[in-house]
Amino acid sequence: MSSLRKKIYDQLYSHNLRKGRNVSITESAIFLLIILNVVAIIVESFPDIESRYRHFFYLFEVVSVVIFSVEYLIRIWLAPLRYPELAAGAARWKFITSTYGLIDLFAILPFYLPYLVTLDGRLLRILRLLRIVRVFKLNRYSRSMQLVGDVFREVKNDLIVTLMVCLMLLLVASSIMFYLEHDAQPTRFTTILDSFWWAVATLTTVGYGDIYPITGWGKLISGFIAILGIGLVALPAAILSSAFILKLNERKSENNKKDLYCPHCGKRIDEGDTHKLSPK
């Protein structure tokens, strides 16, 4: 049983074992199934196609959910190998509550819930929308998506600080504009929350134009906030872009270090060395 579990583990986690250079047939099949599910969700949104091929979409959904459910249960079963430092029960619970574990659960849960509890039409539509969560399963098999996750984890504290500053500015701007424009436009700037929508549109430079100031002071403050928003909203982009560049440079350095060693005998290959690759 242990050897069988190890073989299955290698099939499902080969991208971790081989540094992403080789992908098993199992991983490739699941990757393709996820892509097909995303395409099916998009195509199913066309009323004519959905009504004509409804039975096909339902059959494809059943097959996909069965495969994803088996994958989910197998990953729970393999959790002790994934977290060897933990007891079997603790390892399985860690996987279930992990990010990937929750993504796997929400990818299949919308299919089963209507059969377990009675839901109204609105909740059913929300559950059908949750099927798009399956696209996040791609993170497990794509090194590029893993890079995005690594970058977000590294700069999450900086992003939280930037987000808090943005929220504070939005609150201050919406409060000021409410008191400046409420008397002149009582139906537009009715509450601070209505002003909050104006502040979001102004700071993000979207400018829908449904709410805008008409008083002199309101226009002056609005222009200042718009200019300030150009720089402030650009901060998260700057943080992420710099983190991406650093991460990409780290990966290039790792790959360069790997190239300094012979893939067969493991000896270092220095520049100008006469070292020859040993046969396999």
Protein backbone atom coordinates (compact mmCIF):
# COMPACT_ATOMS: atom_id res chain seq x y z
CA MET A 1 0.00 0.00 0.00
CA SER A 2 2.84 2.40 0.83
CA SER A 3 4.49 1.85 -2.57
CA LEU A 4 1.17 2.42 -4.35
CA ARG A 5 0.60 5.61 -2.37
CA LYS A 6 4.11 6.80 -3.26
CA LYS A 7 3.52 6.18 -6.98
CA ILE A 8 0.23 8.07 -6.92
CA TYR A 9 1.89 10.88 -4.98
CA ASP A 10 4.62 11.15 -7.63
CA GLN A 11 1.94 11.38 -10.32
CA LEU A 12 0.02 14.18 -8.60
CA TYR A 13 2.97 16.14 -7.25
CA SER A 14 5.63 15.61 -9.91
CA HIS A 15 5.80 19.37 -10.58
CA ASN A 16 7.09 19.83 -7.04
CA LEU A 17 9.46 16.88 -7.15
CA ARG A 18 11.06 17.82 -10.47
CA LYS A 19 11.16 21.60 -10.12
CA GLY A 20 8.41 22.03 -12.73
CA ARG A 21 10.52 20.66 -15.60
CA ASN A 22 8.46 17.50 -16.15
CA VAL A 23 4.73 17.08 -15.79
CA SER A 24 3.08 13.68 -15.35
CA ILE A 25 0.29 12.40 -17.56
CA THR A 26 -2.10 12.70 -14.62
CA GLU A 27 -1.25 16.35 -14.12
CA SER A 28 -1.58 17.06 -17.84
CA ALA A 29 -5.00 15.40 -17.96
CA ILE A 30 -6.28 17.37 -14.96
CA PHE A 31 -4.82 20.58 -16.40
CA LEU A 32 -6.66 19.97 -19.69
CA LEU A 33 -9.89 19.14 -17.86
CA ILE A 34 -9.71 22.43 -15.94
CA ILE A 35 -9.22 24.37 -19.18
CA LEU A 36 -12.18 22.58 -20.76
CA ASN A 37 -14.34 23.39 -17.72
CA VAL A 38 -13.53 27.08 -18.00
CA VAL A 39 -14.33 27.01 -21.72
CA ALA A 40 -17.60 25.17 -21.03
CA ILE A 41 -18.65 27.74 -18.42
CA ILE A 42 -18.04 30.55 -20.92
CA VAL A 43 -19.78 28.82 -23.83
CA GLU A 44 -22.70 27.83 -21.60
CA SER A 45 -23.45 31.54 -21.03
CA PHE A 46 -24.76 31.78 -24.62
CA PRO A 47 -28.52 31.06 -24.36
CA ASP A 48 -28.87 29.42 -27.79
CA ILE A 49 -25.92 27.09 -27.26
CA GLU A 50 -26.96 26.29 -23.69
CA SER A 51 -30.50 25.34 -24.67
CA ARG A 52 -29.34 23.22 -27.61
CA TYR A 53 -26.56 21.33 -25.81
CA ARG A 54 -27.89 21.39 -22.25
CA HIS A 55 -27.67 17.63 -21.82
CA PHE A 56 -24.10 17.59 -23.10
CA PHE A 57 -23.08 20.34 -20.66
CA TYR A 58 -24.71 18.48 -17.79
CA LEU A 59 -22.98 15.21 -18.70
CA PHE A 60 -19.64 16.98 -18.97
CA GLU A 61 -20.27 18.62 -15.58
CA VAL A 62 -21.01 15.24 -13.97
CA VAL A 63 -17.87 13.65 -15.41
CA SER A 64 -15.74 16.62 -14.35
CA VAL A 65 -17.13 16.66 -10.81
CA VAL A 66 -16.54 12.93 -10.43
CA ILE A 67 -12.91 13.31 -11.54
CA PHE A 68 -12.34 16.37 -9.35
CA SER A 69 -13.99 14.61 -6.39
CA VAL A 70 -11.76 11.56 -6.78
CA GLU A 71 -8.73 13.85 -7.07
CA TYR A 72 -9.78 15.70 -3.92
CA LEU A 73 -10.23 12.50 -1.91
CA ILE A 74 -6.91 11.12 -3.18
CA ARG A 75 -5.12 14.31 -2.14
CA ILE A 76 -6.63 13.98 1.34
CA TRP A 77 -5.41 10.38 1.41
CA LEU A 78 -1.92 11.48 0.31
CA ALA A 79 -1.70 14.34 2.82
CA PRO A 80 0.58 12.37 5.25
CA LEU A 81 3.17 12.19 2.45
CA ARG A 82 2.71 15.87 1.70
CA TYR A 83 3.23 16.82 5.36
CA PRO A 84 5.43 14.04 6.78
CA GLU A 85 6.22 16.04 9.92
CA LEU A 86 2.55 15.81 11.04
CA ALA A 87 0.39 12.94 12.20
CA ALA A 88 -1.95 11.46 9.59
CA GLY A 89 -5.09 13.19 10.91
CA ALA A 90 -3.36 16.53 11.35
CA ALA A 91 -1.81 16.29 7.88
CA ARG A 92 -5.19 15.63 6.26
CA TRP A 93 -6.80 18.49 8.15
CA LYS A 94 -3.97 20.81 7.12
CA PHE A 95 -4.58 19.97 3.48
CA ILE A 96 -8.36 20.39 3.79
CA THR A 97 -7.96 23.86 5.32
CA SER A 98 -5.10 24.91 3.03
CA THR A 99 -5.64 27.27 0.11
CA TYR A 100 -5.46 24.51 -2.48
CA GLY A 101 -7.63 22.25 -0.36
CA LEU A 102 -10.36 24.88 -0.12
CA ILE A 103 -10.12 25.58 -3.86
CA ASP A 104 -10.56 21.86 -4.57
CA LEU A 105 -13.55 21.74 -2.21
CA PHE A 106 -15.30 24.79 -3.67
CA ALA A 107 -14.68 23.45 -7.17
CA ILE A 108 -17.01 20.49 -6.49
CA LEU A 109 -19.29 21.81 -3.73
CA PRO A 110 -21.70 23.73 -6.04
CA PHE A 111 -22.64 20.45 -7.73
CA TYR A 112 -23.48 18.57 -4.53
CA LEU A 113 -25.21 21.25 -2.45
CA PRO A 114 -28.53 21.33 -4.40
CA TYR A 115 -28.88 17.59 -3.75
CA LEU A 116 -28.22 18.01 -0.02
CA VAL A 117 -30.28 21.11 0.86
CA THR A 118 -33.16 23.03 -0.71
CA LEU A 119 -32.00 26.25 -2.33
CA ASP A 120 -33.87 29.06 -4.07
CA GLY A 121 -33.09 30.26 -7.58
CA ARG A 122 -30.74 33.06 -6.54
CA LEU A 123 -28.55 30.77 -4.45
CA LEU A 124 -28.48 28.25 -7.28
CA ARG A 125 -27.21 30.93 -9.66
CA ILE A 126 -24.53 31.91 -7.14
CA LEU A 127 -23.48 28.27 -6.81
CA ARG A 128 -23.25 27.93 -10.57
CA LEU A 129 -21.06 31.03 -10.60
CA LEU A 130 -18.77 29.41 -8.01
CA ARG A 131 -17.79 26.83 -10.62
CA ILE A 132 -15.39 29.44 -11.99
CA VAL A 133 -13.30 28.72 -8.87
CA ARG A 134 -11.98 25.74 -10.83
CA VAL A 135 -9.75 28.10 -12.77
CA PHE A 136 -7.71 28.60 -9.58
CA LYS A 137 -6.83 24.91 -9.65
CA LEU A 138 -4.47 25.84 -12.47
CA ASN A 139 -2.19 27.48 -9.89
CA ARG A 140 -1.09 24.04 -8.75
CA TYR A 141 0.19 23.07 -12.21
CA SER A 142 1.53 26.36 -13.59
CA ARG A 143 4.90 27.75 -12.51
CA SER A 144 3.81 31.18 -13.76
CA MET A 145 0.75 31.16 -11.51
CA GLN A 146 2.88 29.93 -8.63
CA LEU A 147 5.16 32.90 -9.26
CA VAL A 148 2.17 35.24 -8.90
CA GLY A 149 1.24 33.60 -5.60
CA ASP A 150 4.81 33.84 -4.31
CA VAL A 151 4.97 37.54 -5.19
CA PHE A 152 1.68 38.32 -3.45
CA ARG A 153 2.79 36.45 -0.34
CA GLU A 154 6.05 38.37 -0.18
CA VAL A 155 4.52 41.85 -0.57
CA LYS A 156 1.19 41.26 1.19
CA ASN A 157 2.16 43.47 4.14
CA ASP A 158 3.13 46.33 1.82
CA LEU A 159 -0.11 45.92 -0.11
CA ILE A 160 -2.16 45.94 3.09
CA VAL A 161 -0.50 49.19 4.20
CA THR A 162 -1.15 50.75 0.78
CA LEU A 163 -4.76 49.57 0.84
CA MET A 164 -5.30 51.06 4.29
CA VAL A 165 -3.90 54.41 3.12
CA CYS A 166 -6.20 54.32 0.08
CA LEU A 167 -9.23 53.57 2.26
CA MET A 168 -8.34 56.40 4.63
CA LEU A 169 -8.00 58.82 1.72
CA LEU A 170 -11.31 57.63 0.26
CA LEU A 171 -13.06 58.18 3.58
CA VAL A 172 -11.59 61.66 4.07
CA ALA A 173 -12.32 62.69 0.47
CA SER A 174 -15.91 61.42 0.54
CA SER A 175 -16.58 63.15 3.88
CA ILE A 176 -15.18 66.49 2.68
CA MET A 177 -17.12 66.32 -0.59
CA PHE A 178 -20.34 65.44 1.21
CA TYR A 179 -20.19 68.58 3.33
CA LEU A 180 -19.14 70.73 0.36
CA GLU A 181 -21.75 69.48 -2.12
CA HIS A 182 -24.70 68.25 -0.04
CA ASP A 183 -26.51 71.59 0.06
CA ALA A 184 -25.95 72.25 -3.66
CA GLN A 185 -26.80 68.66 -4.76
CA PRO A 186 -28.94 66.99 -2.07
CA THR A 187 -30.09 64.27 -4.47
CA ARG A 188 -26.55 63.43 -5.62
CA PHE A 189 -24.43 63.69 -2.49
CA THR A 190 -27.19 62.35 -0.24
CA THR A 191 -24.92 60.57 2.24
CA ILE A 192 -21.23 60.02 2.78
CA LEU A 193 -21.64 56.59 1.18
CA ASP A 194 -22.89 58.26 -2.02
CA SER A 195 -19.85 60.52 -1.85
CA PHE A 196 -17.73 57.42 -1.34
CA TRP A 197 -18.72 56.20 -4.82
CA TRP A 198 -17.61 59.55 -6.25
CA ALA A 199 -14.29 59.26 -4.39
CA VAL A 200 -13.65 55.76 -5.77
CA ALA A 201 -14.40 56.88 -9.35
CA THR A 202 -12.18 59.95 -8.94
CA LEU A 203 -9.21 58.30 -7.24
CA THR A 204 -9.14 55.48 -9.80
CA THR A 205 -9.51 58.07 -12.59
CA VAL A 206 -12.48 56.11 -13.96
CA GLY A 207 -14.70 59.19 -13.98
CA TYR A 208 -18.14 57.80 -14.77
CA GLY A 209 -19.58 61.31 -14.49
CA ASP A 210 -22.86 60.35 -12.80
CA ILE A 211 -21.79 62.25 -9.64
CA TYR A 212 -19.54 65.30 -9.87
CA PRO A 213 -19.08 68.55 -7.92
CA ILE A 214 -20.59 71.84 -9.11
CA THR A 215 -19.44 74.26 -6.40
CA GLY A 216 -16.16 76.12 -6.62
CA TRP A 217 -14.63 74.56 -3.54
CA GLY A 218 -15.93 71.17 -4.61
CA LYS A 219 -14.23 71.42 -8.00
CA LEU A 220 -10.99 72.60 -6.42
CA ILE A 221 -10.88 69.75 -3.89
CA SER A 222 -11.97 67.28 -6.56
CA GLY A 223 -9.08 68.26 -8.84
CA PHE A 224 -6.58 67.95 -6.00
CA ILE A 225 -7.93 64.51 -5.04
CA ALA A 226 -7.84 63.34 -8.66
CA ILE A 227 -4.17 64.34 -9.01
CA LEU A 228 -3.33 62.72 -5.67
CA GLY A 229 -5.15 59.55 -6.72
CA ILE A 230 -2.98 59.11 -9.82
CA GLY A 231 0.09 58.57 -7.66
CA LEU A 232 -1.57 56.76 -4.79
CA VAL A 233 -3.43 54.18 -6.83
CA ALA A 234 -0.20 53.50 -8.77
CA LEU A 235 1.59 52.41 -5.58
CA PRO A 236 0.29 48.80 -5.55
CA ALA A 237 1.30 48.41 -9.21
CA ALA A 238 4.80 49.67 -8.42
CA ILE A 239 5.12 47.32 -5.43
CA LEU A 240 3.99 44.30 -7.46
CA SER A 241 6.13 45.11 -10.49
CA SER A 242 9.30 45.52 -8.41
CA ALA A 243 8.54 42.27 -6.55
CA PHE A 244 8.02 40.45 -9.87
CA ILE A 245 11.36 41.69 -11.19
CA LEU A 246 13.17 40.56 -8.04
CA LYS A 247 11.49 37.15 -8.15
CA LEU A 248 12.32 36.65 -11.82
CA ASN A 249 15.95 37.58 -11.15
CA GLU A 250 16.05 35.06 -8.30
CA ARG A 251 14.77 32.33 -10.62
CA LYS A 252 17.35 33.22 -13.25
CA SER A 253 20.10 33.06 -10.63
CA GLU A 254 18.90 29.64 -9.49
CA ASN A 255 18.83 28.35 -13.07
CA ASN A 256 22.34 29.71 -13.70
CA LYS A 257 23.62 27.95 -10.59
CA LYS A 258 22.06 24.69 -11.74
CA ASP A 259 23.82 25.01 -15.10
CA LEU A 260 27.18 25.05 -13.30
CA TYR A 261 26.79 21.40 -12.31
CA CYS A 262 26.86 18.30 -14.44
CA PRO A 263 23.36 16.76 -14.60
CA HIS A 264 24.86 13.24 -14.56
CA CYS A 265 27.73 13.16 -12.07
CA GLY A 266 26.87 16.29 -10.07
CA LYS A 267 30.37 17.81 -10.36
CA ARG A 268 30.80 21.56 -10.79
CA ILE A 269 31.48 22.81 -14.32
CA ASP A 270 33.54 26.00 -14.00
CA GLU A 271 34.11 28.36 -16.88
CA GLY A 272 37.02 27.14 -18.96
CA ASP A 273 37.01 23.74 -17.24
CA THR A 274 37.66 20.67 -19.36
CA HIS A 275 35.07 18.67 -17.48
CA LYS A 276 33.21 16.28 -19.75
CA LEU A 277 29.68 15.06 -19.26
CA SER A 278 29.71 11.51 -18.08
CA PRO A 279 27.42 9.06 -19.91
CA LYS A 280 24.08 8.14 -18.41
